[in-house]
Amino acid sequence: MGLAVLLIFNEINYRRLKVKGEISRKFAHFAATLCTIPLPYVFSSHWYVFILAVIFALVLFITQKGHLLQSIHDVERKSIGSYLLPISIYVTFFVSKYFESRLMYVLPILILAISDPMAAIVGIGMKKYNHRIKIFGIDTQKSMFGSGAFLLSSLLVCLMALYFNRRVFDETTIVISLTIAVVSTIVELFSRRGLDNLLVPISVILVLLFLN
């Protein structure tokens, strides 16, 4: 219900205030993803989350085909990120339940909710001196300021989440946070067509499995 209200609110802003599709899409991404943070504290079985993910995916499909919710679908670039988001949430939830670690859900989803929109907004908003990143002549289609915003925001999210989880701020907390921030930033840098919605949480989970 809360998610539906947020999507309607976002659609109203998009239509009345003429907000750019890319911005309204990122706000919807932020709000919808953040709303799922309590899931490990609410549901004991992954099947509930699976049903919610299927419903969310169906809503996206129907609204796209019916030219509704343009605040989400009105982007020039081709992207499957919207459809990957519910898949990512379910997969992350399933893994966290399997390893009996709420951190394995909360941390990847927080980074996805905060750092990804942050990178996009900074990348779009700061044009001056904001060069596209090219590696070995390959255009990543990402900007320096955008990737920098992703790196810094994911680092801060990791430091806070790990501190509250481990109840101690030590060298291990810093090393794990830096590793997650760097790895997830690299994954986001090379992800195309919205694949970061799935690959970023998976990369965070893998780092946690190896280092935590």
N, C-alpha and C. Protein backbone atom coordinates (compact mmCIF):
# COMPACT_ATOMS: atom_id res chain seq x y z
N MET A 1 0.83 -1.20 0.00
CA MET A 1 0.00 0.00 0.00
C MET A 1 0.87 1.26 0.00
N GLY A 2 1.88 1.25 0.88
CA GLY A 2 2.78 2.39 0.97
C GLY A 2 3.53 2.61 -0.33
N LEU A 3 3.96 1.50 -0.96
CA LEU A 3 4.68 1.58 -2.23
C LEU A 3 3.78 2.15 -3.33
N ALA A 4 2.51 1.75 -3.33
CA ALA A 4 1.56 2.27 -4.33
C ALA A 4 1.39 3.77 -4.19
N VAL A 5 1.31 4.25 -2.96
CA VAL A 5 1.17 5.69 -2.70
C VAL A 5 2.39 6.44 -3.21
N LEU A 6 3.59 5.89 -2.96
CA LEU A 6 4.82 6.53 -3.42
C LEU A 6 4.87 6.60 -4.94
N LEU A 7 4.46 5.53 -5.61
CA LEU A 7 4.47 5.52 -7.08
C LEU A 7 3.48 6.52 -7.65
N ILE A 8 2.31 6.64 -7.02
CA ILE A 8 1.30 7.60 -7.46
C ILE A 8 1.82 9.03 -7.24
N PHE A 9 2.42 9.26 -6.08
CA PHE A 9 2.99 10.58 -5.77
C PHE A 9 4.07 10.94 -6.79
N ASN A 10 4.91 9.97 -7.13
CA ASN A 10 5.97 10.19 -8.11
C ASN A 10 5.40 10.50 -9.49
N GLU A 11 4.33 9.81 -9.86
CA GLU A 11 3.69 10.03 -11.16
C GLU A 11 3.07 11.43 -11.22
N ILE A 12 2.47 11.88 -10.13
CA ILE A 12 1.86 13.21 -10.09
C ILE A 12 2.93 14.28 -10.27
N ASN A 13 4.06 14.12 -9.56
CA ASN A 13 5.16 15.08 -9.70
C ASN A 13 5.71 15.09 -11.12
N TYR A 14 5.80 13.91 -11.71
CA TYR A 14 6.31 13.81 -13.07
C TYR A 14 5.42 14.57 -14.05
N ARG A 15 4.11 14.44 -13.88
CA ARG A 15 3.18 15.06 -14.83
C ARG A 15 2.99 16.55 -14.57
N ARG A 16 2.87 16.94 -13.31
CA ARG A 16 2.57 18.34 -12.98
C ARG A 16 3.82 19.22 -12.99
N LEU A 17 4.91 18.71 -12.46
CA LEU A 17 6.13 19.51 -12.35
C LEU A 17 7.07 19.30 -13.52
N LYS A 18 6.68 18.41 -14.45
CA LYS A 18 7.49 18.13 -15.64
C LYS A 18 8.90 17.68 -15.28
N VAL A 19 8.98 16.82 -14.26
CA VAL A 19 10.27 16.28 -13.84
C VAL A 19 10.80 15.35 -14.93
N LYS A 20 12.09 15.41 -15.17
CA LYS A 20 12.70 14.55 -16.18
C LYS A 20 12.47 13.08 -15.83
N GLY A 21 12.24 12.27 -16.87
CA GLY A 21 11.98 10.86 -16.66
C GLY A 21 13.09 10.15 -15.92
N GLU A 22 14.32 10.52 -16.20
CA GLU A 22 15.46 9.87 -15.55
C GLU A 22 15.47 10.16 -14.05
N ILE A 23 15.10 11.40 -13.68
CA ILE A 23 15.08 11.79 -12.27
C ILE A 23 13.92 11.12 -11.54
N SER A 24 12.72 11.16 -12.13
CA SER A 24 11.56 10.54 -11.48
C SER A 24 11.74 9.04 -11.38
N ARG A 25 12.43 8.45 -12.35
CA ARG A 25 12.70 7.01 -12.32
C ARG A 25 13.62 6.67 -11.15
N LYS A 26 14.63 7.50 -10.94
CA LYS A 26 15.57 7.26 -9.84
C LYS A 26 14.92 7.48 -8.48
N PHE A 27 14.00 8.45 -8.41
CA PHE A 27 13.28 8.64 -7.14
C PHE A 27 12.42 7.42 -6.84
N ALA A 28 11.75 6.89 -7.87
CA ALA A 28 10.93 5.69 -7.69
C ALA A 28 11.81 4.51 -7.27
N HIS A 29 12.99 4.41 -7.88
CA HIS A 29 13.94 3.36 -7.53
C HIS A 29 14.34 3.46 -6.06
N PHE A 30 14.68 4.69 -5.65
CA PHE A 30 15.09 4.94 -4.26
C PHE A 30 13.97 4.59 -3.29
N ALA A 31 12.76 5.11 -3.55
CA ALA A 31 11.64 4.91 -2.63
C ALA A 31 11.20 3.46 -2.56
N ALA A 32 11.06 2.83 -3.75
CA ALA A 32 10.59 1.44 -3.78
C ALA A 32 11.59 0.49 -3.13
N THR A 33 12.88 0.70 -3.41
CA THR A 33 13.91 -0.19 -2.85
C THR A 33 14.03 0.01 -1.35
N LEU A 34 13.98 1.25 -0.91
CA LEU A 34 14.09 1.54 0.52
C LEU A 34 12.91 0.94 1.29
N CYS A 35 11.76 0.88 0.67
CA CYS A 35 10.57 0.31 1.33
C CYS A 35 10.73 -1.18 1.63
N THR A 36 11.65 -1.83 0.93
CA THR A 36 11.81 -3.28 1.12
C THR A 36 12.80 -3.62 2.24
N ILE A 37 13.45 -2.63 2.81
CA ILE A 37 14.46 -2.88 3.87
C ILE A 37 13.88 -3.69 5.03
N PRO A 38 12.65 -3.43 5.49
CA PRO A 38 12.12 -4.19 6.65
C PRO A 38 11.75 -5.65 6.34
N LEU A 39 11.80 -6.08 5.08
CA LEU A 39 11.32 -7.42 4.73
C LEU A 39 11.90 -8.55 5.60
N PRO A 40 13.21 -8.56 5.90
CA PRO A 40 13.74 -9.67 6.73
C PRO A 40 13.19 -9.67 8.15
N TYR A 41 12.67 -8.52 8.59
CA TYR A 41 12.12 -8.40 9.94
C TYR A 41 10.62 -8.69 9.96
N VAL A 42 10.02 -8.80 8.77
CA VAL A 42 8.58 -9.02 8.66
C VAL A 42 8.25 -10.44 8.23
N PHE A 43 8.99 -10.95 7.24
CA PHE A 43 8.68 -12.26 6.67
C PHE A 43 9.72 -13.31 7.06
N SER A 44 9.25 -14.47 7.45
CA SER A 44 10.15 -15.56 7.82
C SER A 44 10.42 -16.50 6.65
N SER A 45 9.54 -16.47 5.64
CA SER A 45 9.69 -17.33 4.47
C SER A 45 9.96 -16.50 3.22
N HIS A 46 10.82 -17.02 2.37
CA HIS A 46 11.16 -16.30 1.14
C HIS A 46 10.01 -16.33 0.13
N TRP A 47 9.04 -17.22 0.33
CA TRP A 47 7.92 -17.31 -0.61
C TRP A 47 7.04 -16.07 -0.61
N TYR A 48 6.91 -15.42 0.54
CA TYR A 48 6.16 -14.17 0.60
C TYR A 48 6.80 -13.11 -0.28
N VAL A 49 8.11 -13.03 -0.19
CA VAL A 49 8.86 -12.05 -0.98
C VAL A 49 8.79 -12.41 -2.47
N PHE A 50 8.80 -13.69 -2.76
CA PHE A 50 8.69 -14.15 -4.15
C PHE A 50 7.37 -13.68 -4.76
N ILE A 51 6.29 -13.83 -4.01
CA ILE A 51 4.96 -13.41 -4.49
C ILE A 51 4.93 -11.91 -4.71
N LEU A 52 5.48 -11.15 -3.76
CA LEU A 52 5.54 -9.69 -3.91
C LEU A 52 6.35 -9.29 -5.13
N ALA A 53 7.46 -9.98 -5.36
CA ALA A 53 8.32 -9.68 -6.50
C ALA A 53 7.59 -9.95 -7.82
N VAL A 54 6.85 -11.05 -7.87
CA VAL A 54 6.09 -11.38 -9.08
C VAL A 54 5.01 -10.33 -9.34
N ILE A 55 4.32 -9.92 -8.29
CA ILE A 55 3.27 -8.90 -8.42
C ILE A 55 3.87 -7.59 -8.93
N PHE A 56 5.01 -7.20 -8.34
CA PHE A 56 5.68 -5.96 -8.73
C PHE A 56 6.11 -6.01 -10.20
N ALA A 57 6.64 -7.15 -10.62
CA ALA A 57 7.09 -7.31 -12.01
C ALA A 57 5.90 -7.24 -12.97
N LEU A 58 4.78 -7.84 -12.58
CA LEU A 58 3.58 -7.80 -13.41
C LEU A 58 3.04 -6.38 -13.54
N VAL A 59 3.07 -5.64 -12.44
CA VAL A 59 2.63 -4.24 -12.47
C VAL A 59 3.49 -3.43 -13.43
N LEU A 60 4.80 -3.65 -13.38
CA LEU A 60 5.71 -2.95 -14.28
C LEU A 60 5.43 -3.30 -15.74
N PHE A 61 5.20 -4.58 -15.99
CA PHE A 61 4.94 -5.02 -17.36
C PHE A 61 3.63 -4.43 -17.90
N ILE A 62 2.58 -4.49 -17.09
CA ILE A 62 1.27 -3.99 -17.51
C ILE A 62 1.30 -2.48 -17.74
N THR A 63 1.95 -1.75 -16.82
CA THR A 63 2.00 -0.29 -16.95
C THR A 63 2.86 0.15 -18.13
N GLN A 64 3.89 -0.63 -18.43
CA GLN A 64 4.73 -0.29 -19.59
C GLN A 64 3.97 -0.51 -20.90
N LYS A 65 3.29 -1.66 -20.99
CA LYS A 65 2.53 -1.96 -22.20
C LYS A 65 1.32 -1.02 -22.35
N GLY A 66 0.78 -0.59 -21.22
CA GLY A 66 -0.38 0.31 -21.26
C GLY A 66 -0.01 1.77 -21.25
N HIS A 67 1.30 2.06 -21.36
CA HIS A 67 1.80 3.44 -21.36
C HIS A 67 1.36 4.20 -20.10
N LEU A 68 1.41 3.49 -18.99
CA LEU A 68 1.12 4.10 -17.69
C LEU A 68 2.43 4.23 -16.90
N LEU A 69 2.37 4.94 -15.78
CA LEU A 69 3.56 5.15 -14.94
C LEU A 69 4.76 5.58 -15.77
N GLN A 70 4.55 6.63 -16.57
CA GLN A 70 5.64 7.13 -17.40
C GLN A 70 6.78 7.72 -16.58
N SER A 71 6.52 8.01 -15.31
CA SER A 71 7.58 8.49 -14.42
C SER A 71 8.66 7.44 -14.24
N ILE A 72 8.32 6.18 -14.53
CA ILE A 72 9.27 5.08 -14.44
C ILE A 72 9.77 4.65 -15.81
N HIS A 73 8.88 4.62 -16.76
CA HIS A 73 9.20 4.04 -18.07
C HIS A 73 9.71 5.05 -19.10
N ASP A 74 9.61 6.36 -18.80
CA ASP A 74 9.99 7.38 -19.77
C ASP A 74 11.50 7.66 -19.74
N VAL A 75 12.27 6.75 -20.30
CA VAL A 75 13.72 6.95 -20.44
C VAL A 75 14.12 6.60 -21.87
N GLU A 76 15.08 7.37 -22.42
CA GLU A 76 15.49 7.17 -23.80
C GLU A 76 16.33 5.90 -23.96
N ARG A 77 17.19 5.63 -22.98
CA ARG A 77 18.07 4.47 -23.09
C ARG A 77 17.28 3.19 -22.83
N LYS A 78 17.73 2.12 -23.45
CA LYS A 78 17.11 0.82 -23.23
C LYS A 78 17.60 0.25 -21.91
N SER A 79 16.66 -0.15 -21.08
CA SER A 79 17.04 -0.66 -19.75
C SER A 79 16.05 -1.72 -19.28
N ILE A 80 16.60 -2.76 -18.67
CA ILE A 80 15.77 -3.79 -18.05
C ILE A 80 15.87 -3.71 -16.54
N GLY A 81 16.42 -2.59 -16.07
CA GLY A 81 16.66 -2.41 -14.64
C GLY A 81 15.41 -2.52 -13.79
N SER A 82 14.28 -1.99 -14.29
CA SER A 82 13.03 -2.04 -13.52
C SER A 82 12.60 -3.48 -13.26
N TYR A 83 12.75 -4.34 -14.26
CA TYR A 83 12.36 -5.74 -14.11
C TYR A 83 13.36 -6.52 -13.27
N LEU A 84 14.61 -6.10 -13.32
CA LEU A 84 15.64 -6.79 -12.53
C LEU A 84 15.55 -6.44 -11.05
N LEU A 85 14.95 -5.29 -10.73
CA LEU A 85 14.86 -4.87 -9.33
C LEU A 85 14.10 -5.86 -8.45
N PRO A 86 12.88 -6.27 -8.80
CA PRO A 86 12.18 -7.27 -7.97
C PRO A 86 12.91 -8.60 -7.92
N ILE A 87 13.57 -8.98 -9.02
CA ILE A 87 14.36 -10.22 -9.03
C ILE A 87 15.51 -10.10 -8.05
N SER A 88 16.17 -8.95 -8.09
CA SER A 88 17.31 -8.71 -7.20
C SER A 88 16.90 -8.75 -5.73
N ILE A 89 15.76 -8.14 -5.42
CA ILE A 89 15.27 -8.12 -4.04
C ILE A 89 14.98 -9.53 -3.56
N TYR A 90 14.34 -10.33 -4.42
CA TYR A 90 14.03 -11.70 -4.01
C TYR A 90 15.30 -12.54 -3.84
N VAL A 91 16.22 -12.46 -4.81
CA VAL A 91 17.45 -13.25 -4.73
C VAL A 91 18.25 -12.87 -3.48
N THR A 92 18.35 -11.58 -3.22
CA THR A 92 19.09 -11.11 -2.03
C THR A 92 18.43 -11.59 -0.75
N PHE A 93 17.10 -11.54 -0.72
CA PHE A 93 16.36 -12.02 0.45
C PHE A 93 16.58 -13.51 0.64
N PHE A 94 16.51 -14.27 -0.44
CA PHE A 94 16.68 -15.72 -0.38
C PHE A 94 18.07 -16.08 0.17
N VAL A 95 19.10 -15.41 -0.33
CA VAL A 95 20.48 -15.67 0.13
C VAL A 95 20.64 -15.32 1.60
N SER A 96 20.06 -14.19 2.00
CA SER A 96 20.18 -13.77 3.41
C SER A 96 19.50 -14.76 4.34
N LYS A 97 18.36 -15.33 3.89
CA LYS A 97 17.67 -16.33 4.70
C LYS A 97 18.49 -17.62 4.76
N TYR A 98 19.09 -17.99 3.64
CA TYR A 98 19.88 -19.22 3.58
C TYR A 98 21.07 -19.15 4.54
N PHE A 99 21.73 -18.00 4.59
CA PHE A 99 22.88 -17.84 5.47
C PHE A 99 22.50 -17.28 6.84
N GLU A 100 21.20 -17.07 7.04
CA GLU A 100 20.68 -16.56 8.32
C GLU A 100 21.39 -15.27 8.73
N SER A 101 21.49 -14.35 7.78
CA SER A 101 22.15 -13.08 8.02
C SER A 101 21.32 -11.94 7.43
N ARG A 102 20.71 -11.16 8.29
CA ARG A 102 19.93 -10.02 7.80
C ARG A 102 20.84 -8.98 7.14
N LEU A 103 22.09 -8.92 7.58
CA LEU A 103 23.03 -7.98 6.99
C LEU A 103 23.20 -8.23 5.49
N MET A 104 23.14 -9.49 5.10
CA MET A 104 23.32 -9.85 3.69
C MET A 104 22.15 -9.38 2.83
N TYR A 105 21.07 -9.00 3.46
CA TYR A 105 19.97 -8.39 2.72
C TYR A 105 20.02 -6.87 2.85
N VAL A 106 20.11 -6.41 4.07
CA VAL A 106 19.99 -4.97 4.33
C VAL A 106 21.10 -4.17 3.65
N LEU A 107 22.35 -4.61 3.76
CA LEU A 107 23.46 -3.83 3.21
C LEU A 107 23.41 -3.75 1.68
N PRO A 108 23.27 -4.87 0.95
CA PRO A 108 23.20 -4.75 -0.52
C PRO A 108 22.02 -3.90 -0.99
N ILE A 109 20.88 -4.03 -0.32
CA ILE A 109 19.69 -3.28 -0.74
C ILE A 109 19.84 -1.79 -0.40
N LEU A 110 20.48 -1.48 0.71
CA LEU A 110 20.74 -0.08 1.04
C LEU A 110 21.63 0.58 0.00
N ILE A 111 22.68 -0.12 -0.41
CA ILE A 111 23.57 0.42 -1.43
C ILE A 111 22.83 0.60 -2.75
N LEU A 112 21.99 -0.37 -3.08
CA LEU A 112 21.21 -0.27 -4.31
C LEU A 112 20.22 0.89 -4.25
N ALA A 113 19.63 1.10 -3.08
CA ALA A 113 18.62 2.15 -2.91
C ALA A 113 19.23 3.54 -2.89
N ILE A 114 20.40 3.68 -2.28
CA ILE A 114 20.99 5.00 -2.06
C ILE A 114 22.07 5.35 -3.10
N SER A 115 23.04 4.47 -3.27
CA SER A 115 24.20 4.79 -4.10
C SER A 115 23.88 4.87 -5.58
N ASP A 116 23.04 3.98 -6.07
CA ASP A 116 22.71 3.98 -7.50
C ASP A 116 22.00 5.27 -7.91
N PRO A 117 20.93 5.70 -7.22
CA PRO A 117 20.30 6.98 -7.56
C PRO A 117 21.24 8.17 -7.35
N MET A 118 22.06 8.10 -6.30
CA MET A 118 23.01 9.18 -6.03
C MET A 118 23.95 9.37 -7.21
N ALA A 119 24.47 8.26 -7.74
CA ALA A 119 25.39 8.33 -8.87
C ALA A 119 24.71 8.95 -10.09
N ALA A 120 23.47 8.54 -10.34
CA ALA A 120 22.75 9.05 -11.51
C ALA A 120 22.45 10.54 -11.38
N ILE A 121 21.98 10.96 -10.21
CA ILE A 121 21.61 12.36 -10.01
C ILE A 121 22.83 13.27 -10.09
N VAL A 122 23.93 12.86 -9.45
CA VAL A 122 25.16 13.65 -9.51
C VAL A 122 25.71 13.68 -10.93
N GLY A 123 25.67 12.53 -11.59
CA GLY A 123 26.17 12.47 -12.96
C GLY A 123 25.39 13.35 -13.91
N ILE A 124 24.06 13.43 -13.71
CA ILE A 124 23.20 14.25 -14.57
C ILE A 124 23.31 15.73 -14.19
N GLY A 125 23.37 16.00 -12.89
CA GLY A 125 23.33 17.38 -12.42
C GLY A 125 24.63 18.15 -12.54
N MET A 126 25.75 17.45 -12.47
CA MET A 126 27.05 18.13 -12.51
C MET A 126 27.70 17.88 -13.87
N LYS A 127 27.55 18.84 -14.76
CA LYS A 127 28.05 18.70 -16.12
C LYS A 127 29.48 19.23 -16.28
N LYS A 128 29.79 20.33 -15.60
CA LYS A 128 31.09 20.97 -15.78
C LYS A 128 32.22 20.09 -15.23
N TYR A 129 33.22 19.87 -16.04
CA TYR A 129 34.40 19.06 -15.69
C TYR A 129 34.07 17.59 -15.41
N ASN A 130 32.84 17.21 -15.70
CA ASN A 130 32.41 15.84 -15.40
C ASN A 130 32.58 14.97 -16.65
N HIS A 131 33.74 14.40 -16.82
CA HIS A 131 34.06 13.65 -18.03
C HIS A 131 33.57 12.21 -17.94
N ARG A 132 33.24 11.65 -19.10
CA ARG A 132 32.87 10.24 -19.19
C ARG A 132 34.10 9.39 -18.94
N ILE A 133 33.92 8.27 -18.28
CA ILE A 133 35.04 7.38 -17.97
C ILE A 133 35.26 6.41 -19.12
N LYS A 134 36.50 6.41 -19.64
CA LYS A 134 36.88 5.47 -20.68
C LYS A 134 38.03 4.61 -20.18
N ILE A 135 37.90 3.32 -20.34
CA ILE A 135 38.93 2.38 -19.88
C ILE A 135 39.37 1.54 -21.08
N PHE A 136 40.67 1.64 -21.40
CA PHE A 136 41.22 0.96 -22.58
C PHE A 136 40.43 1.32 -23.84
N GLY A 137 40.05 2.59 -23.92
CA GLY A 137 39.33 3.07 -25.09
C GLY A 137 37.85 2.75 -25.11
N ILE A 138 37.37 2.03 -24.09
CA ILE A 138 35.95 1.65 -24.02
C ILE A 138 35.18 2.68 -23.19
N ASP A 139 34.15 3.23 -23.78
CA ASP A 139 33.30 4.21 -23.08
C ASP A 139 32.35 3.46 -22.15
N THR A 140 32.51 3.67 -20.85
CA THR A 140 31.66 2.97 -19.87
C THR A 140 30.27 3.60 -19.76
N GLN A 141 30.11 4.80 -20.38
CA GLN A 141 28.86 5.56 -20.32
C GLN A 141 28.56 6.05 -18.90
N LYS A 142 29.57 6.05 -18.06
CA LYS A 142 29.43 6.56 -16.69
C LYS A 142 30.37 7.77 -16.53
N SER A 143 30.04 8.66 -15.62
CA SER A 143 30.83 9.87 -15.42
C SER A 143 31.69 9.77 -14.17
N MET A 144 32.73 10.61 -14.13
CA MET A 144 33.65 10.60 -12.98
C MET A 144 32.93 10.99 -11.69
N PHE A 145 32.14 12.07 -11.74
CA PHE A 145 31.44 12.52 -10.54
C PHE A 145 30.37 11.52 -10.11
N GLY A 146 29.71 10.91 -11.10
CA GLY A 146 28.68 9.93 -10.78
C GLY A 146 29.26 8.72 -10.08
N SER A 147 30.35 8.18 -10.63
CA SER A 147 31.00 7.02 -10.02
C SER A 147 31.61 7.38 -8.68
N GLY A 148 32.12 8.62 -8.58
CA GLY A 148 32.67 9.08 -7.30
C GLY A 148 31.60 9.16 -6.23
N ALA A 149 30.40 9.62 -6.63
CA ALA A 149 29.28 9.69 -5.69
C ALA A 149 28.85 8.30 -5.26
N PHE A 150 28.88 7.35 -6.19
CA PHE A 150 28.54 5.96 -5.85
C PHE A 150 29.55 5.41 -4.85
N LEU A 151 30.82 5.64 -5.10
CA LEU A 151 31.88 5.13 -4.22
C LEU A 151 31.76 5.70 -2.81
N LEU A 152 31.62 7.00 -2.70
CA LEU A 152 31.57 7.64 -1.38
C LEU A 152 30.30 7.27 -0.61
N SER A 153 29.16 7.28 -1.30
CA SER A 153 27.91 6.96 -0.61
C SER A 153 27.87 5.50 -0.18
N SER A 154 28.37 4.60 -1.02
CA SER A 154 28.39 3.18 -0.64
C SER A 154 29.35 2.93 0.51
N LEU A 155 30.45 3.68 0.54
CA LEU A 155 31.40 3.55 1.66
C LEU A 155 30.75 3.98 2.97
N LEU A 156 30.04 5.09 2.95
CA LEU A 156 29.37 5.58 4.16
C LEU A 156 28.28 4.61 4.61
N VAL A 157 27.52 4.10 3.65
CA VAL A 157 26.46 3.12 3.97
C VAL A 157 27.07 1.89 4.62
N CYS A 158 28.17 1.40 4.06
CA CYS A 158 28.84 0.21 4.60
C CYS A 158 29.36 0.44 6.01
N LEU A 159 30.01 1.56 6.21
CA LEU A 159 30.57 1.87 7.53
C LEU A 159 29.49 1.89 8.60
N MET A 160 28.37 2.53 8.29
CA MET A 160 27.28 2.62 9.27
C MET A 160 26.61 1.26 9.49
N ALA A 161 26.33 0.55 8.39
CA ALA A 161 25.65 -0.74 8.51
C ALA A 161 26.51 -1.76 9.26
N LEU A 162 27.79 -1.81 8.94
CA LEU A 162 28.68 -2.77 9.59
C LEU A 162 28.90 -2.41 11.06
N TYR A 163 28.95 -1.11 11.35
CA TYR A 163 29.12 -0.70 12.74
C TYR A 163 27.93 -1.14 13.59
N PHE A 164 26.72 -0.91 13.07
CA PHE A 164 25.52 -1.30 13.83
C PHE A 164 25.37 -2.81 13.90
N ASN A 165 25.90 -3.51 12.90
CA ASN A 165 25.82 -4.97 12.91
C ASN A 165 26.86 -5.59 13.83
N ARG A 166 28.09 -5.08 13.79
CA ARG A 166 29.19 -5.67 14.56
C ARG A 166 29.36 -5.01 15.93
N ARG A 167 28.76 -3.85 16.10
CA ARG A 167 28.85 -3.10 17.37
C ARG A 167 30.28 -2.71 17.71
N VAL A 168 31.11 -2.59 16.70
CA VAL A 168 32.48 -2.15 16.92
C VAL A 168 32.99 -1.50 15.63
N PHE A 169 33.77 -0.44 15.81
CA PHE A 169 34.36 0.24 14.65
C PHE A 169 35.87 0.00 14.70
N ASP A 170 36.31 -0.96 13.91
CA ASP A 170 37.71 -1.33 13.94
C ASP A 170 38.27 -1.47 12.53
N GLU A 171 39.48 -2.02 12.44
CA GLU A 171 40.14 -2.17 11.14
C GLU A 171 39.34 -3.08 10.21
N THR A 172 38.73 -4.12 10.77
CA THR A 172 37.94 -5.03 9.95
C THR A 172 36.75 -4.32 9.32
N THR A 173 36.09 -3.48 10.09
CA THR A 173 34.96 -2.71 9.58
C THR A 173 35.39 -1.84 8.41
N ILE A 174 36.54 -1.19 8.56
CA ILE A 174 37.03 -0.29 7.50
C ILE A 174 37.42 -1.08 6.25
N VAL A 175 38.13 -2.20 6.43
CA VAL A 175 38.59 -3.00 5.29
C VAL A 175 37.40 -3.56 4.51
N ILE A 176 36.42 -4.12 5.22
CA ILE A 176 35.24 -4.68 4.54
C ILE A 176 34.47 -3.58 3.82
N SER A 177 34.32 -2.43 4.47
CA SER A 177 33.58 -1.32 3.88
C SER A 177 34.26 -0.81 2.61
N LEU A 178 35.58 -0.63 2.68
CA LEU A 178 36.33 -0.16 1.51
C LEU A 178 36.25 -1.16 0.36
N THR A 179 36.37 -2.43 0.70
CA THR A 179 36.33 -3.47 -0.33
C THR A 179 34.97 -3.50 -1.02
N ILE A 180 33.91 -3.46 -0.23
CA ILE A 180 32.56 -3.47 -0.80
C ILE A 180 32.33 -2.23 -1.66
N ALA A 181 32.76 -1.06 -1.16
CA ALA A 181 32.57 0.19 -1.91
C ALA A 181 33.29 0.15 -3.25
N VAL A 182 34.53 -0.32 -3.25
CA VAL A 182 35.32 -0.36 -4.49
C VAL A 182 34.75 -1.39 -5.46
N VAL A 183 34.48 -2.59 -4.96
CA VAL A 183 33.97 -3.67 -5.83
C VAL A 183 32.61 -3.30 -6.43
N SER A 184 31.71 -2.79 -5.61
CA SER A 184 30.37 -2.44 -6.11
C SER A 184 30.43 -1.27 -7.09
N THR A 185 31.37 -0.35 -6.86
CA THR A 185 31.53 0.78 -7.80
C THR A 185 32.04 0.29 -9.15
N ILE A 186 32.99 -0.63 -9.14
CA ILE A 186 33.51 -1.20 -10.39
C ILE A 186 32.41 -1.96 -11.13
N VAL A 187 31.63 -2.73 -10.38
CA VAL A 187 30.52 -3.49 -10.99
C VAL A 187 29.52 -2.52 -11.62
N GLU A 188 29.16 -1.46 -10.90
CA GLU A 188 28.22 -0.48 -11.42
C GLU A 188 28.80 0.23 -12.64
N LEU A 189 30.10 0.46 -12.63
CA LEU A 189 30.76 1.17 -13.73
C LEU A 189 30.63 0.41 -15.05
N PHE A 190 30.73 -0.91 -14.99
CA PHE A 190 30.72 -1.71 -16.21
C PHE A 190 29.35 -2.32 -16.54
N SER A 191 28.37 -2.04 -15.69
CA SER A 191 27.02 -2.59 -15.93
C SER A 191 26.28 -1.75 -16.95
N ARG A 192 25.60 -2.40 -17.86
CA ARG A 192 24.81 -1.72 -18.89
C ARG A 192 23.35 -2.13 -18.80
N ARG A 193 22.50 -1.28 -19.32
CA ARG A 193 21.07 -1.56 -19.47
C ARG A 193 20.38 -1.97 -18.17
N GLY A 194 20.84 -1.42 -17.04
CA GLY A 194 20.18 -1.69 -15.77
C GLY A 194 20.62 -2.95 -15.07
N LEU A 195 21.65 -3.61 -15.60
CA LEU A 195 22.14 -4.86 -14.98
C LEU A 195 22.69 -4.63 -13.58
N ASP A 196 23.06 -3.37 -13.28
CA ASP A 196 23.59 -3.07 -11.95
C ASP A 196 22.57 -3.35 -10.85
N ASN A 197 21.28 -3.30 -11.19
CA ASN A 197 20.24 -3.59 -10.19
C ASN A 197 20.36 -5.01 -9.64
N LEU A 198 20.92 -5.90 -10.44
CA LEU A 198 21.12 -7.28 -10.01
C LEU A 198 22.57 -7.54 -9.60
N LEU A 199 23.51 -7.02 -10.37
CA LEU A 199 24.92 -7.33 -10.15
C LEU A 199 25.53 -6.65 -8.92
N VAL A 200 25.07 -5.44 -8.62
CA VAL A 200 25.62 -4.73 -7.45
C VAL A 200 25.30 -5.47 -6.15
N PRO A 201 24.02 -5.85 -5.88
CA PRO A 201 23.75 -6.61 -4.65
C PRO A 201 24.51 -7.94 -4.59
N ILE A 202 24.62 -8.62 -5.73
CA ILE A 202 25.35 -9.89 -5.76
C ILE A 202 26.82 -9.68 -5.41
N SER A 203 27.41 -8.61 -5.93
CA SER A 203 28.82 -8.33 -5.63
C SER A 203 29.02 -8.03 -4.14
N VAL A 204 28.07 -7.32 -3.54
CA VAL A 204 28.16 -7.02 -2.10
C VAL A 204 28.06 -8.30 -1.28
N ILE A 205 27.14 -9.17 -1.66
CA ILE A 205 26.98 -10.45 -0.96
C ILE A 205 28.25 -11.27 -1.04
N LEU A 206 28.87 -11.34 -2.21
CA LEU A 206 30.10 -12.13 -2.40
C LEU A 206 31.23 -11.61 -1.52
N VAL A 207 31.36 -10.29 -1.43
CA VAL A 207 32.41 -9.71 -0.57
C VAL A 207 32.14 -10.06 0.89
N LEU A 208 30.88 -9.96 1.30
CA LEU A 208 30.53 -10.29 2.69
C LEU A 208 30.83 -11.77 3.00
N LEU A 209 30.56 -12.64 2.03
CA LEU A 209 30.84 -14.06 2.23
C LEU A 209 32.32 -14.34 2.39
N PHE A 210 33.14 -13.61 1.65
CA PHE A 210 34.58 -13.84 1.70
C PHE A 210 35.25 -13.16 2.89
N LEU A 211 34.75 -12.00 3.29
CA LEU A 211 35.46 -11.20 4.29
C LEU A 211 34.80 -11.10 5.65
N ASN A 212 33.48 -11.26 5.71
CA ASN A 212 32.80 -11.04 6.99
C ASN A 212 32.88 -12.26 7.90
